[in-house]
Amino acid sequence: MASLTEDAIFEAAIQIMISTDRCITVHFAGKDISVRFPTTRKLAEHLQIPHYYMLPCFATMEEKALITRMERVGISTTQKGSRKLIALLAAKYRKDAERILGPTVFSELYQRIM
């Protein structure tokens, strides 16, 4: 079983976005940028853990203002969570992110969020 930390969850979310979904959904609202997270079930399956293990971790991440959960809408990063996710994308998955978003869009996104 994978270690269930915030970093492991963010890493798993990125791996799902770039490898499985081949889609990174970014929302812009004024100065705020959010990224759509995979579902908790999809993350649990990817991490090979029971779904109910994810829920307390997501509650903690929400308390730390890294994500926001909206019933029937889904999970998205907050501004703080977006910085964490984009920094990880840039450090470890830049080529994959550029393949999905294009190098110009990824560069602009990185500059705007960081």
Protein backbone atom coordinates (compact mmCIF):
# COMPACT_ATOMS: atom_id res chain seq x y z
CA MET A 1 0.00 0.00 0.00
CA ALA A 2 1.31 3.48 -0.89
CA SER A 3 2.07 5.96 1.85
CA LEU A 4 -0.90 8.28 2.15
CA THR A 5 0.52 11.78 2.41
CA GLU A 6 -0.50 15.03 0.75
CA ASP A 7 2.51 14.70 -1.54
CA ALA A 8 1.54 11.13 -2.49
CA ILE A 9 -2.01 12.27 -3.26
CA PHE A 10 -0.85 15.21 -5.40
CA GLU A 11 1.59 12.94 -7.22
CA ALA A 12 -1.12 10.34 -7.83
CA ALA A 13 -3.50 13.05 -9.07
CA ILE A 14 -0.90 14.24 -11.57
CA GLN A 15 -0.16 10.70 -12.73
CA ILE A 16 -3.87 10.10 -13.33
CA MET A 17 -4.23 13.40 -15.18
CA ILE A 18 -1.27 12.85 -17.49
CA SER A 19 -1.29 9.08 -17.97
CA THR A 20 -4.88 7.89 -17.59
CA ASP A 21 -7.08 10.88 -18.38
CA ARG A 22 -4.56 12.71 -20.60
CA CYS A 23 -6.33 15.86 -19.52
CA ILE A 24 -5.52 18.71 -17.14
CA THR A 25 -8.59 20.83 -16.46
CA VAL A 26 -7.69 24.35 -15.34
CA HIS A 27 -10.22 26.96 -14.23
CA PHE A 28 -9.50 30.68 -14.19
CA ALA A 29 -11.61 32.98 -12.01
CA GLY A 30 -10.14 36.45 -11.77
CA LYS A 31 -6.68 36.00 -10.28
CA ASP A 32 -7.49 32.53 -8.93
CA ILE A 33 -6.45 29.36 -10.73
CA SER A 34 -7.78 25.95 -9.79
CA VAL A 35 -7.13 22.51 -11.22
CA ARG A 36 -9.74 19.74 -11.24
CA PHE A 37 -8.63 16.77 -9.14
CA PRO A 38 -9.50 13.15 -9.98
CA THR A 39 -12.23 11.62 -7.85
CA THR A 40 -11.34 10.08 -4.50
CA ARG A 41 -12.34 6.68 -5.87
CA LYS A 42 -10.02 7.01 -8.86
CA LEU A 43 -7.18 8.16 -6.58
CA ALA A 44 -7.78 5.26 -4.16
CA GLU A 45 -7.74 2.79 -7.03
CA HIS A 46 -4.51 4.30 -8.38
CA LEU A 47 -2.88 4.17 -4.94
CA GLN A 48 -4.30 0.66 -4.36
CA ILE A 49 -5.96 1.53 -1.07
CA PRO A 50 -9.56 1.37 0.15
CA HIS A 51 -11.59 4.43 -0.80
CA TYR A 52 -12.48 5.26 2.80
CA TYR A 53 -8.76 5.83 3.58
CA MET A 54 -8.84 8.82 1.25
CA LEU A 55 -11.64 10.70 2.99
CA PRO A 56 -9.79 11.80 6.17
CA CYS A 57 -6.80 12.85 4.06
CA PHE A 58 -9.01 14.99 1.86
CA ALA A 59 -10.63 16.53 4.94
CA THR A 60 -7.16 17.49 6.21
CA MET A 61 -6.16 18.86 2.81
CA GLU A 62 -9.34 20.93 2.79
CA GLU A 63 -8.58 22.27 6.29
CA LYS A 64 -5.10 23.25 5.05
CA ALA A 65 -6.72 25.13 2.14
CA LEU A 66 -5.11 22.95 -0.54
CA ILE A 67 -8.36 21.71 -2.06
CA THR A 68 -12.04 22.45 -2.05
CA ARG A 69 -14.76 19.82 -2.35
CA MET A 70 -18.20 20.59 -3.67
CA GLU A 71 -20.89 17.96 -3.62
CA ARG A 72 -21.89 16.87 -7.13
CA VAL A 73 -19.24 19.16 -8.62
CA GLY A 74 -15.98 17.56 -7.60
CA ILE A 75 -12.64 18.39 -6.07
CA SER A 76 -10.44 21.26 -7.18
CA THR A 77 -7.27 22.82 -5.92
CA THR A 78 -7.32 26.18 -4.18
CA GLN A 79 -4.78 28.84 -5.13
CA LYS A 80 -2.38 27.32 -2.58
CA GLY A 81 -3.03 23.81 -3.86
CA SER A 82 -2.61 24.96 -7.46
CA ARG A 83 0.85 26.32 -6.62
CA LYS A 84 1.78 22.95 -5.13
CA LEU A 85 0.42 21.00 -8.10
CA ILE A 86 1.96 23.24 -10.78
CA ALA A 87 5.33 23.25 -8.99
CA LEU A 88 5.28 19.44 -8.93
CA LEU A 89 4.28 19.33 -12.59
CA ALA A 90 7.15 21.66 -13.47
CA ALA A 91 9.70 19.74 -11.40
CA LYS A 92 8.83 16.17 -12.40
CA TYR A 93 6.32 16.11 -15.25
CA ARG A 94 7.02 19.19 -17.38
CA LYS A 95 7.23 17.33 -20.72
CA ASP A 96 3.97 15.51 -20.01
CA ALA A 97 2.23 18.73 -18.97
CA GLU A 98 3.54 20.51 -22.07
CA ARG A 99 2.34 17.63 -24.24
CA ILE A 100 -1.18 18.06 -22.85
CA LEU A 101 -1.38 21.84 -22.42
CA GLY A 102 1.23 22.93 -24.95
CA PRO A 103 4.53 24.57 -23.94
CA THR A 104 3.21 28.12 -24.19
CA VAL A 105 0.10 27.50 -22.09
CA PHE A 106 2.07 25.58 -19.46
CA SER A 107 4.73 28.31 -19.28
CA GLU A 108 2.05 31.01 -18.89
CA LEU A 109 0.23 28.95 -16.28
CA TYR A 110 3.44 28.41 -14.34
CA GLN A 111 4.37 32.10 -14.44
CA ARG A 112 0.89 33.18 -13.40
CA ILE A 113 0.55 30.77 -10.46
CA MET A 114 4.10 31.04 -9.13
